[in-house]
Amino acid sequence: MAKYVLVYHGGGMPETEEEGAKVMAAWDAWYGELGESIVDGGNPFGQTRNVTTEGVSGANDSPASGYTIITAADIDDAAAKAKGCPILDSGGSIEVAETIDM
């Protein structure tokens, strides 16, 4: 099984404790569905910066907001697993990238 990084972009933050509890329950349920395919449950990201030869600038138009690493049979399987992610319900998107062992 290959490893895939699910990079979250966007999404919203809950405005109340009640909404936060509901969102966390949705993430817990999704992680339960992923089961043993989770390699690293990941974390949300804070501030971001872009670094290029031109210098350092603020975040791009769609900064990464977090990640999870999973195993899957192939990239299509990884994308199918990503479809259940709660970030999609808050307007976010998910970039699926295969890791390459070196």
PDB file of N, CA and C in Angstrom:
ATOM      1  N   MET A   1       0.843  -1.183   0.000  1.00  0.00           N
ATOM      2  CA  MET A   1       0.000   0.000   0.000  1.00  0.00           C
ATOM      3  C   MET A   1       0.884   1.241   0.000  1.00  0.00           C
ATOM      4  N   ALA A   2       0.559   2.170  -0.853  1.00  0.00           N
ATOM      5  CA  ALA A   2       1.287   3.432  -0.925  1.00  0.00           C
ATOM      6  C   ALA A   2       0.740   4.408   0.122  1.00  0.00           C
ATOM      7  N   LYS A   3       1.533   5.425   0.428  1.00  0.00           N
ATOM      8  CA  LYS A   3       1.109   6.477   1.352  1.00  0.00           C
ATOM      9  C   LYS A   3       0.702   7.707   0.558  1.00  0.00           C
ATOM     10  N   TYR A   4      -0.314   8.387   1.065  1.00  0.00           N
ATOM     11  CA  TYR A   4      -0.832   9.593   0.429  1.00  0.00           C
ATOM     12  C   TYR A   4      -1.017  10.668   1.484  1.00  0.00           C
ATOM     13  N   VAL A   5      -0.651  11.894   1.109  1.00  0.00           N
ATOM     14  CA  VAL A   5      -0.872  13.035   1.984  1.00  0.00           C
ATOM     15  C   VAL A   5      -2.146  13.732   1.514  1.00  0.00           C
ATOM     16  N   LEU A   6      -3.067  13.917   2.425  1.00  0.00           N
ATOM     17  CA  LEU A   6      -4.263  14.698   2.150  1.00  0.00           C
ATOM     18  C   LEU A   6      -3.982  16.089   2.691  1.00  0.00           C
ATOM     19  N   VAL A   7      -3.842  17.056   1.805  1.00  0.00           N
ATOM     20  CA  VAL A   7      -3.555  18.433   2.213  1.00  0.00           C
ATOM     21  C   VAL A   7      -4.859  19.216   2.124  1.00  0.00           C
ATOM     22  N   TYR A   8      -5.290  19.738   3.273  1.00  0.00           N
ATOM     23  CA  TYR A   8      -6.548  20.470   3.326  1.00  0.00           C
ATOM     24  C   TYR A   8      -6.309  21.936   2.987  1.00  0.00           C
ATOM     25  N   HIS A   9      -7.229  22.502   2.221  1.00  0.00           N
ATOM     26  CA  HIS A   9      -7.182  23.912   1.853  1.00  0.00           C
ATOM     27  C   HIS A   9      -8.507  24.544   2.247  1.00  0.00           C
ATOM     28  N   GLY A  10      -8.425  25.687   2.906  1.00  0.00           N
ATOM     29  CA  GLY A  10      -9.638  26.416   3.261  1.00  0.00           C
ATOM     30  C   GLY A  10     -10.425  25.735   4.352  1.00  0.00           C
ATOM     31  N   GLY A  11     -11.719  25.890   4.276  1.00  0.00           N
ATOM     32  CA  GLY A  11     -12.599  25.395   5.323  1.00  0.00           C
ATOM     33  C   GLY A  11     -12.828  26.496   6.344  1.00  0.00           C
ATOM     34  N   GLY A  12     -13.777  26.302   7.196  1.00  0.00           N
ATOM     35  CA  GLY A  12     -14.102  27.316   8.192  1.00  0.00           C
ATOM     36  C   GLY A  12     -13.869  26.818   9.602  1.00  0.00           C
ATOM     37  N   MET A  13     -13.754  27.759  10.498  1.00  0.00           N
ATOM     38  CA  MET A  13     -13.612  27.438  11.917  1.00  0.00           C
ATOM     39  C   MET A  13     -14.975  27.564  12.578  1.00  0.00           C
ATOM     40  N   PRO A  14     -15.316  26.640  13.483  1.00  0.00           N
ATOM     41  CA  PRO A  14     -16.595  26.735  14.191  1.00  0.00           C
ATOM     42  C   PRO A  14     -16.646  28.024  15.018  1.00  0.00           C
ATOM     43  N   GLU A  15     -17.838  28.611  15.091  1.00  0.00           N
ATOM     44  CA  GLU A  15     -17.993  29.866  15.811  1.00  0.00           C
ATOM     45  C   GLU A  15     -18.403  29.676  17.259  1.00  0.00           C
ATOM     46  N   THR A  16     -18.948  28.511  17.607  1.00  0.00           N
ATOM     47  CA  THR A  16     -19.368  28.269  18.987  1.00  0.00           C
ATOM     48  C   THR A  16     -18.792  26.942  19.462  1.00  0.00           C
ATOM     49  N   GLU A  17     -18.823  26.740  20.773  1.00  0.00           N
ATOM     50  CA  GLU A  17     -18.363  25.463  21.334  1.00  0.00           C
ATOM     51  C   GLU A  17     -19.228  24.316  20.829  1.00  0.00           C
ATOM     52  N   GLU A  18     -20.518  24.560  20.707  1.00  0.00           N
ATOM     53  CA  GLU A  18     -21.435  23.522  20.226  1.00  0.00           C
ATOM     54  C   GLU A  18     -21.086  23.121  18.794  1.00  0.00           C
ATOM     55  N   GLU A  19     -20.845  24.114  17.934  1.00  0.00           N
ATOM     56  CA  GLU A  19     -20.442  23.824  16.555  1.00  0.00           C
ATOM     57  C   GLU A  19     -19.104  23.103  16.538  1.00  0.00           C
ATOM     58  N   GLY A  20     -18.186  23.519  17.397  1.00  0.00           N
ATOM     59  CA  GLY A  20     -16.878  22.873  17.476  1.00  0.00           C
ATOM     60  C   GLY A  20     -16.998  21.407  17.850  1.00  0.00           C
ATOM     61  N   ALA A  21     -17.865  21.099  18.813  1.00  0.00           N
ATOM     62  CA  ALA A  21     -18.076  19.714  19.229  1.00  0.00           C
ATOM     63  C   ALA A  21     -18.668  18.895  18.087  1.00  0.00           C
ATOM     64  N   LYS A  22     -19.579  19.498  17.333  1.00  0.00           N
ATOM     65  CA  LYS A  22     -20.192  18.798  16.199  1.00  0.00           C
ATOM     66  C   LYS A  22     -19.148  18.506  15.121  1.00  0.00           C
ATOM     67  N   VAL A  23     -18.290  19.497  14.839  1.00  0.00           N
ATOM     68  CA  VAL A  23     -17.233  19.321  13.836  1.00  0.00           C
ATOM     69  C   VAL A  23     -16.257  18.236  14.284  1.00  0.00           C
ATOM     70  N   MET A  24     -15.842  18.270  15.550  1.00  0.00           N
ATOM     71  CA  MET A  24     -14.911  17.252  16.053  1.00  0.00           C
ATOM     72  C   MET A  24     -15.526  15.858  15.986  1.00  0.00           C
ATOM     73  N   ALA A  25     -16.812  15.750  16.263  1.00  0.00           N
ATOM     74  CA  ALA A  25     -17.491  14.452  16.162  1.00  0.00           C
ATOM     75  C   ALA A  25     -17.483  13.951  14.717  1.00  0.00           C
ATOM     76  N   ALA A  26     -17.660  14.875  13.758  1.00  0.00           N
ATOM     77  CA  ALA A  26     -17.633  14.488  12.342  1.00  0.00           C
ATOM     78  C   ALA A  26     -16.237  13.996  11.956  1.00  0.00           C
ATOM     79  N   TRP A  27     -15.184  14.701  12.426  1.00  0.00           N
ATOM     80  CA  TRP A  27     -13.807  14.264  12.137  1.00  0.00           C
ATOM     81  C   TRP A  27     -13.543  12.902  12.786  1.00  0.00           C
ATOM     82  N   ASP A  28     -13.987  12.712  14.030  1.00  0.00           N
ATOM     83  CA  ASP A  28     -13.789  11.425  14.704  1.00  0.00           C
ATOM     84  C   ASP A  28     -14.477  10.296  13.938  1.00  0.00           C
ATOM     85  N   ALA A  29     -15.690  10.563  13.444  1.00  0.00           N
ATOM     86  CA  ALA A  29     -16.429   9.540  12.684  1.00  0.00           C
ATOM     87  C   ALA A  29     -15.691   9.209  11.390  1.00  0.00           C
ATOM     88  N   TRP A  30     -15.184  10.240  10.705  1.00  0.00           N
ATOM     89  CA  TRP A  30     -14.463  10.002   9.448  1.00  0.00           C
ATOM     90  C   TRP A  30     -13.173   9.233   9.712  1.00  0.00           C
ATOM     91  N   TYR A  31     -12.437   9.624  10.746  1.00  0.00           N
ATOM     92  CA  TYR A  31     -11.224   8.876  11.098  1.00  0.00           C
ATOM     93  C   TYR A  31     -11.570   7.425  11.432  1.00  0.00           C
ATOM     94  N   GLY A  32     -12.729   7.208  12.069  1.00  0.00           N
ATOM     95  CA  GLY A  32     -13.171   5.848  12.348  1.00  0.00           C
ATOM     96  C   GLY A  32     -13.399   5.051  11.072  1.00  0.00           C
ATOM     97  N   GLU A  33     -13.951   5.704  10.055  1.00  0.00           N
ATOM     98  CA  GLU A  33     -14.157   5.048   8.757  1.00  0.00           C
ATOM     99  C   GLU A  33     -12.821   4.710   8.092  1.00  0.00           C
ATOM    100  N   LEU A  34     -11.841   5.603   8.220  1.00  0.00           N
ATOM    101  CA  LEU A  34     -10.526   5.362   7.611  1.00  0.00           C
ATOM    102  C   LEU A  34      -9.788   4.229   8.314  1.00  0.00           C
ATOM    103  N   GLY A  35     -10.042   4.062   9.609  1.00  0.00           N
ATOM    104  CA  GLY A  35      -9.459   2.963  10.375  1.00  0.00           C
ATOM    105  C   GLY A  35      -7.949   2.891  10.287  1.00  0.00           C
ATOM    106  N   GLU A  36      -7.465   1.683   9.979  1.00  0.00           N
ATOM    107  CA  GLU A  36      -6.018   1.433   9.971  1.00  0.00           C
ATOM    108  C   GLU A  36      -5.297   2.059   8.786  1.00  0.00           C
ATOM    109  N   SER A  37      -6.030   2.676   7.865  1.00  0.00           N
ATOM    110  CA  SER A  37      -5.348   3.329   6.752  1.00  0.00           C
ATOM    111  C   SER A  37      -4.703   4.649   7.186  1.00  0.00           C
ATOM    112  N   ILE A  38      -5.029   5.127   8.388  1.00  0.00           N
ATOM    113  CA  ILE A  38      -4.414   6.361   8.885  1.00  0.00           C
ATOM    114  C   ILE A  38      -2.992   6.065   9.341  1.00  0.00           C
ATOM    115  N   VAL A  39      -2.036   6.756   8.736  1.00  0.00           N
ATOM    116  CA  VAL A  39      -0.626   6.663   9.117  1.00  0.00           C
ATOM    117  C   VAL A  39      -0.316   7.761  10.125  1.00  0.00           C
ATOM    118  N   ASP A  40      -0.818   8.960   9.849  1.00  0.00           N
ATOM    119  CA  ASP A  40      -0.614  10.134  10.707  1.00  0.00           C
ATOM    120  C   ASP A  40      -1.886  10.957  10.622  1.00  0.00           C
ATOM    121  N   GLY A  41      -2.584  11.088  11.745  1.00  0.00           N
ATOM    122  CA  GLY A  41      -3.837  11.839  11.768  1.00  0.00           C
ATOM    123  C   GLY A  41      -3.673  13.302  11.416  1.00  0.00           C
ATOM    124  N   GLY A  42      -2.448  13.796  11.477  1.00  0.00           N
ATOM    125  CA  GLY A  42      -2.163  15.162  11.056  1.00  0.00           C
ATOM    126  C   GLY A  42      -2.532  16.202  12.083  1.00  0.00           C
ATOM    127  N   ASN A  43      -2.552  17.427  11.621  1.00  0.00           N
ATOM    128  CA  ASN A  43      -2.857  18.592  12.441  1.00  0.00           C
ATOM    129  C   ASN A  43      -3.322  19.717  11.541  1.00  0.00           C
ATOM    130  N   PRO A  44      -4.035  20.683  12.133  1.00  0.00           N
ATOM    131  CA  PRO A  44      -4.320  21.894  11.371  1.00  0.00           C
ATOM    132  C   PRO A  44      -3.059  22.751  11.309  1.00  0.00           C
ATOM    133  N   PHE A  45      -3.011  23.658  10.342  1.00  0.00           N
ATOM    134  CA  PHE A  45      -1.896  24.584  10.208  1.00  0.00           C
ATOM    135  C   PHE A  45      -2.303  25.957  10.725  1.00  0.00           C
ATOM    136  N   GLY A  46      -1.316  26.719  11.177  1.00  0.00           N
ATOM    137  CA  GLY A  46      -1.519  28.113  11.555  1.00  0.00           C
ATOM    138  C   GLY A  46      -1.115  28.995  10.389  1.00  0.00           C
ATOM    139  N   GLN A  47      -0.407  30.054  10.682  1.00  0.00           N
ATOM    140  CA  GLN A  47       0.027  30.992   9.649  1.00  0.00           C
ATOM    141  C   GLN A  47       0.922  30.310   8.628  1.00  0.00           C
ATOM    142  N   THR A  48       0.880  30.808   7.405  1.00  0.00           N
ATOM    143  CA  THR A  48       1.737  30.272   6.348  1.00  0.00           C
ATOM    144  C   THR A  48       2.490  31.412   5.663  1.00  0.00           C
ATOM    145  N   ARG A  49       3.588  31.068   5.034  1.00  0.00           N
ATOM    146  CA  ARG A  49       4.377  31.997   4.227  1.00  0.00           C
ATOM    147  C   ARG A  49       4.835  31.259   2.983  1.00  0.00           C
ATOM    148  N   ASN A  50       4.961  31.971   1.889  1.00  0.00           N
ATOM    149  CA  ASN A  50       5.531  31.429   0.657  1.00  0.00           C
ATOM    150  C   ASN A  50       6.972  31.905   0.561  1.00  0.00           C
ATOM    151  N   VAL A  51       7.885  30.981   0.307  1.00  0.00           N
ATOM    152  CA  VAL A  51       9.295  31.312   0.192  1.00  0.00           C
ATOM    153  C   VAL A  51       9.752  30.965  -1.218  1.00  0.00           C
ATOM    154  N   THR A  52      10.281  31.949  -1.938  1.00  0.00           N
ATOM    155  CA  THR A  52      10.802  31.748  -3.290  1.00  0.00           C
ATOM    156  C   THR A  52      12.145  32.458  -3.390  1.00  0.00           C
ATOM    157  N   THR A  53      12.779  32.356  -4.530  1.00  0.00           N
ATOM    158  CA  THR A  53      14.034  33.089  -4.726  1.00  0.00           C
ATOM    159  C   THR A  53      13.786  34.592  -4.720  1.00  0.00           C
ATOM    160  N   GLU A  54      12.545  34.986  -4.919  1.00  0.00           N
ATOM    161  CA  GLU A  54      12.173  36.410  -4.903  1.00  0.00           C
ATOM    162  C   GLU A  54      12.031  36.940  -3.477  1.00  0.00           C
ATOM    163  N   GLY A  55      11.901  36.045  -2.504  1.00  0.00           N
ATOM    164  CA  GLY A  55      11.733  36.466  -1.114  1.00  0.00           C
ATOM    165  C   GLY A  55      10.614  35.711  -0.424  1.00  0.00           C
ATOM    166  N   VAL A  56      10.139  36.296   0.653  1.00  0.00           N
ATOM    167  CA  VAL A  56       9.087  35.692   1.478  1.00  0.00           C
ATOM    168  C   VAL A  56       7.841  36.571   1.383  1.00  0.00           C
ATOM    169  N   SER A  57       6.698  35.927   1.160  1.00  0.00           N
ATOM    170  CA  SER A  57       5.448  36.670   1.074  1.00  0.00           C
ATOM    171  C   SER A  57       4.391  35.975   1.917  1.00  0.00           C
ATOM    172  N   GLY A  58       3.254  36.628   2.056  1.00  0.00           N
ATOM    173  CA  GLY A  58       2.136  36.056   2.797  1.00  0.00           C
ATOM    174  C   GLY A  58       1.581  34.824   2.111  1.00  0.00           C
ATOM    175  N   ALA A  59       0.530  34.304   2.687  1.00  0.00           N
ATOM    176  CA  ALA A  59      -0.093  33.078   2.173  1.00  0.00           C
ATOM    177  C   ALA A  59      -0.623  33.278   0.757  1.00  0.00           C
ATOM    178  N   ASN A  60      -0.690  32.194   0.000  1.00  0.00           N
ATOM    179  CA  ASN A  60      -1.245  32.263  -1.351  1.00  0.00           C
ATOM    180  C   ASN A  60      -2.771  32.331  -1.300  1.00  0.00           C
ATOM    181  N   ASP A  61      -3.409  32.267  -2.447  1.00  0.00           N
ATOM    182  CA  ASP A  61      -4.866  32.397  -2.525  1.00  0.00           C
ATOM    183  C   ASP A  61      -5.618  31.282  -1.808  1.00  0.00           C
ATOM    184  N   SER A  62      -5.029  30.118  -1.722  1.00  0.00           N
ATOM    185  CA  SER A  62      -5.668  28.974  -1.065  1.00  0.00           C
ATOM    186  C   SER A  62      -4.643  28.267  -0.187  1.00  0.00           C
ATOM    187  N   PRO A  63      -4.307  28.875   0.956  1.00  0.00           N
ATOM    188  CA  PRO A  63      -3.262  28.276   1.784  1.00  0.00           C
ATOM    189  C   PRO A  63      -3.681  26.922   2.358  1.00  0.00           C
ATOM    190  N   ALA A  64      -2.686  26.089   2.590  1.00  0.00           N
ATOM    191  CA  ALA A  64      -2.947  24.801   3.237  1.00  0.00           C
ATOM    192  C   ALA A  64      -3.439  25.069   4.651  1.00  0.00           C
ATOM    193  N   SER A  65      -4.438  24.303   5.094  1.00  0.00           N
ATOM    194  CA  SER A  65      -4.986  24.495   6.434  1.00  0.00           C
ATOM    195  C   SER A  65      -4.789  23.271   7.324  1.00  0.00           C
ATOM    196  N   GLY A  66      -4.188  22.198   6.789  1.00  0.00           N
ATOM    197  CA  GLY A  66      -3.909  21.019   7.590  1.00  0.00           C
ATOM    198  C   GLY A  66      -3.590  19.825   6.713  1.00  0.00           C
ATOM    199  N   TYR A  67      -3.354  18.675   7.347  1.00  0.00           N
ATOM    200  CA  TYR A  67      -2.996  17.475   6.584  1.00  0.00           C
ATOM    201  C   TYR A  67      -3.355  16.208   7.355  1.00  0.00           C
ATOM    202  N   THR A  68      -3.420  15.097   6.633  1.00  0.00           N
ATOM    203  CA  THR A  68      -3.521  13.744   7.170  1.00  0.00           C
ATOM    204  C   THR A  68      -2.750  12.849   6.208  1.00  0.00           C
ATOM    205  N   ILE A  69      -2.086  11.827   6.725  1.00  0.00           N
ATOM    206  CA  ILE A  69      -1.396  10.855   5.870  1.00  0.00           C
ATOM    207  C   ILE A  69      -2.104   9.513   6.005  1.00  0.00           C
ATOM    208  N   ILE A  70      -2.430   8.923   4.861  1.00  0.00           N
ATOM    209  CA  ILE A  70      -3.134   7.635   4.846  1.00  0.00           C
ATOM    210  C   ILE A  70      -2.424   6.654   3.913  1.00  0.00           C
ATOM    211  N   THR A  71      -2.807   5.395   4.005  1.00  0.00           N
ATOM    212  CA  THR A  71      -2.406   4.410   3.006  1.00  0.00           C
ATOM    213  C   THR A  71      -3.631   4.113   2.144  1.00  0.00           C
ATOM    214  N   ALA A  72      -3.361   3.773   0.891  1.00  0.00           N
ATOM    215  CA  ALA A  72      -4.435   3.419  -0.034  1.00  0.00           C
ATOM    216  C   ALA A  72      -3.858   2.561  -1.148  1.00  0.00           C
ATOM    217  N   ALA A  73      -4.723   1.842  -1.826  1.00  0.00           N
ATOM    218  CA  ALA A  73      -4.299   0.953  -2.911  1.00  0.00           C
ATOM    219  C   ALA A  73      -3.706   1.738  -4.075  1.00  0.00           C
ATOM    220  N   ASP A  74      -4.277   2.903  -4.366  1.00  0.00           N
ATOM    221  CA  ASP A  74      -3.789   3.769  -5.436  1.00  0.00           C
ATOM    222  C   ASP A  74      -4.365   5.159  -5.210  1.00  0.00           C
ATOM    223  N   ILE A  75      -4.020   6.101  -6.081  1.00  0.00           N
ATOM    224  CA  ILE A  75      -4.462   7.487  -5.873  1.00  0.00           C
ATOM    225  C   ILE A  75      -5.978   7.628  -5.971  1.00  0.00           C
ATOM    226  N   ASP A  76      -6.615   6.808  -6.797  1.00  0.00           N
ATOM    227  CA  ASP A  76      -8.077   6.868  -6.889  1.00  0.00           C
ATOM    228  C   ASP A  76      -8.726   6.404  -5.593  1.00  0.00           C
ATOM    229  N   ASP A  77      -8.144   5.378  -4.970  1.00  0.00           N
ATOM    230  CA  ASP A  77      -8.634   4.905  -3.683  1.00  0.00           C
ATOM    231  C   ASP A  77      -8.439   5.989  -2.621  1.00  0.00           C
ATOM    232  N   ALA A  78      -7.287   6.644  -2.635  1.00  0.00           N
ATOM    233  CA  ALA A  78      -7.018   7.721  -1.674  1.00  0.00           C
ATOM    234  C   ALA A  78      -8.019   8.864  -1.863  1.00  0.00           C
ATOM    235  N   ALA A  79      -8.293   9.232  -3.111  1.00  0.00           N
ATOM    236  CA  ALA A  79      -9.259  10.297  -3.384  1.00  0.00           C
ATOM    237  C   ALA A  79     -10.658   9.897  -2.921  1.00  0.00           C
ATOM    238  N   ALA A  80     -11.013   8.634  -3.110  1.00  0.00           N
ATOM    239  CA  ALA A  80     -12.325   8.159  -2.663  1.00  0.00           C
ATOM    240  C   ALA A  80     -12.428   8.252  -1.142  1.00  0.00           C
ATOM    241  N   LYS A  81     -11.341   7.899  -0.441  1.00  0.00           N
ATOM    242  CA  LYS A  81     -11.340   8.009   1.023  1.00  0.00           C
ATOM    243  C   LYS A  81     -11.462   9.463   1.454  1.00  0.00           C
ATOM    244  N   ALA A  82     -10.857  10.375   0.709  1.00  0.00           N
ATOM    245  CA  ALA A  82     -10.892  11.795   1.046  1.00  0.00           C
ATOM    246  C   ALA A  82     -12.295  12.390   0.908  1.00  0.00           C
ATOM    247  N   LYS A  83     -13.125  11.800   0.075  1.00  0.00           N
ATOM    248  CA  LYS A  83     -14.460  12.342  -0.171  1.00  0.00           C
ATOM    249  C   LYS A  83     -15.325  12.427   1.084  1.00  0.00           C
ATOM    250  N   GLY A  84     -15.009  11.645   2.096  1.00  0.00           N
ATOM    251  CA  GLY A  84     -15.798  11.671   3.320  1.00  0.00           C
ATOM    252  C   GLY A  84     -15.318  12.684   4.341  1.00  0.00           C
ATOM    253  N   CYS A  85     -14.295  13.445   4.015  1.00  0.00           N
ATOM    254  CA  CYS A  85     -13.691  14.375   4.969  1.00  0.00           C
ATOM    255  C   CYS A  85     -14.621  15.547   5.302  1.00  0.00           C
ATOM    256  N   PRO A  86     -14.774  15.852   6.593  1.00  0.00           N
ATOM    257  CA  PRO A  86     -15.655  16.946   7.008  1.00  0.00           C
ATOM    258  C   PRO A  86     -15.246  18.327   6.509  1.00  0.00           C
ATOM    259  N   ILE A  87     -14.008  18.532   6.121  1.00  0.00           N
ATOM    260  CA  ILE A  87     -13.614  19.867   5.648  1.00  0.00           C
ATOM    261  C   ILE A  87     -14.388  20.259   4.400  1.00  0.00           C
ATOM    262  N   LEU A  88     -14.829  19.275   3.645  1.00  0.00           N
ATOM    263  CA  LEU A  88     -15.600  19.552   2.440  1.00  0.00           C
ATOM    264  C   LEU A  88     -16.943  20.211   2.773  1.00  0.00           C
ATOM    265  N   ASP A  89     -17.482  19.874   3.957  1.00  0.00           N
ATOM    266  CA  ASP A  89     -18.764  20.445   4.382  1.00  0.00           C
ATOM    267  C   ASP A  89     -18.654  21.916   4.755  1.00  0.00           C
ATOM    268  N   SER A  90     -17.429  22.398   5.009  1.00  0.00           N
ATOM    269  CA  SER A  90     -17.256  23.803   5.387  1.00  0.00           C
ATOM    270  C   SER A  90     -16.615  24.615   4.261  1.00  0.00           C
ATOM    271  N   GLY A  91     -16.729  24.105   3.024  1.00  0.00           N
ATOM    272  CA  GLY A  91     -16.244  24.850   1.870  1.00  0.00           C
ATOM    273  C   GLY A  91     -14.785  24.633   1.524  1.00  0.00           C
ATOM    274  N   GLY A  92     -14.122  23.715   2.215  1.00  0.00           N
ATOM    275  CA  GLY A  92     -12.719  23.443   1.935  1.00  0.00           C
ATOM    276  C   GLY A  92     -12.541  22.461   0.795  1.00  0.00           C
ATOM    277  N   SER A  93     -11.281  22.224   0.454  1.00  0.00           N
ATOM    278  CA  SER A  93     -10.948  21.240  -0.573  1.00  0.00           C
ATOM    279  C   SER A  93      -9.763  20.414  -0.093  1.00  0.00           C
ATOM    280  N   ILE A  94      -9.505  19.326  -0.786  1.00  0.00           N
ATOM    281  CA  ILE A  94      -8.429  18.419  -0.403  1.00  0.00           C
ATOM    282  C   ILE A  94      -7.554  18.116  -1.608  1.00  0.00           C
ATOM    283  N   GLU A  95      -6.274  18.317  -1.440  1.00  0.00           N
ATOM    284  CA  GLU A  95      -5.283  17.933  -2.448  1.00  0.00           C
ATOM    285  C   GLU A  95      -4.748  16.563  -2.022  1.00  0.00           C
ATOM    286  N   VAL A  96      -4.765  15.593  -2.915  1.00  0.00           N
ATOM    287  CA  VAL A  96      -4.269  14.246  -2.629  1.00  0.00           C
ATOM    288  C   VAL A  96      -2.960  14.055  -3.362  1.00  0.00           C
ATOM    289  N   ALA A  97      -1.901  13.740  -2.601  1.00  0.00           N
ATOM    290  CA  ALA A  97      -0.567  13.574  -3.210  1.00  0.00           C
ATOM    291  C   ALA A  97       0.062  12.281  -2.730  1.00  0.00           C
ATOM    292  N   GLU A  98       0.559  11.478  -3.674  1.00  0.00           N
ATOM    293  CA  GLU A  98       1.257  10.243  -3.320  1.00  0.00           C
ATOM    294  C   GLU A  98       2.664  10.586  -2.840  1.00  0.00           C
ATOM    295  N   THR A  99       3.086   9.934  -1.757  1.00  0.00           N
ATOM    296  CA  THR A  99       4.464  10.089  -1.317  1.00  0.00           C
ATOM    297  C   THR A  99       5.319   9.095  -2.086  1.00  0.00           C
ATOM    298  N   ILE A 100       6.555   9.434  -2.296  1.00  0.00           N
ATOM    299  CA  ILE A 100       7.472   8.563  -3.037  1.00  0.00           C
ATOM    300  C   ILE A 100       8.617   8.181  -2.107  1.00  0.00           C
ATOM    301  N   ASP A 101       8.761   6.893  -1.836  1.00  0.00           N
ATOM    302  CA  ASP A 101       9.866   6.419  -1.008  1.00  0.00           C
ATOM    303  C   ASP A 101      11.175   6.613  -1.758  1.00  0.00           C
ATOM    304  N   MET A 102      12.153   7.111  -1.031  1.00  0.00           N
ATOM    305  CA  MET A 102      13.455   7.346  -1.653  1.00  0.00           C
ATOM    306  C   MET A 102      14.526   6.615  -0.876  1.00  0.00           C
TER     307      MET A 102
END
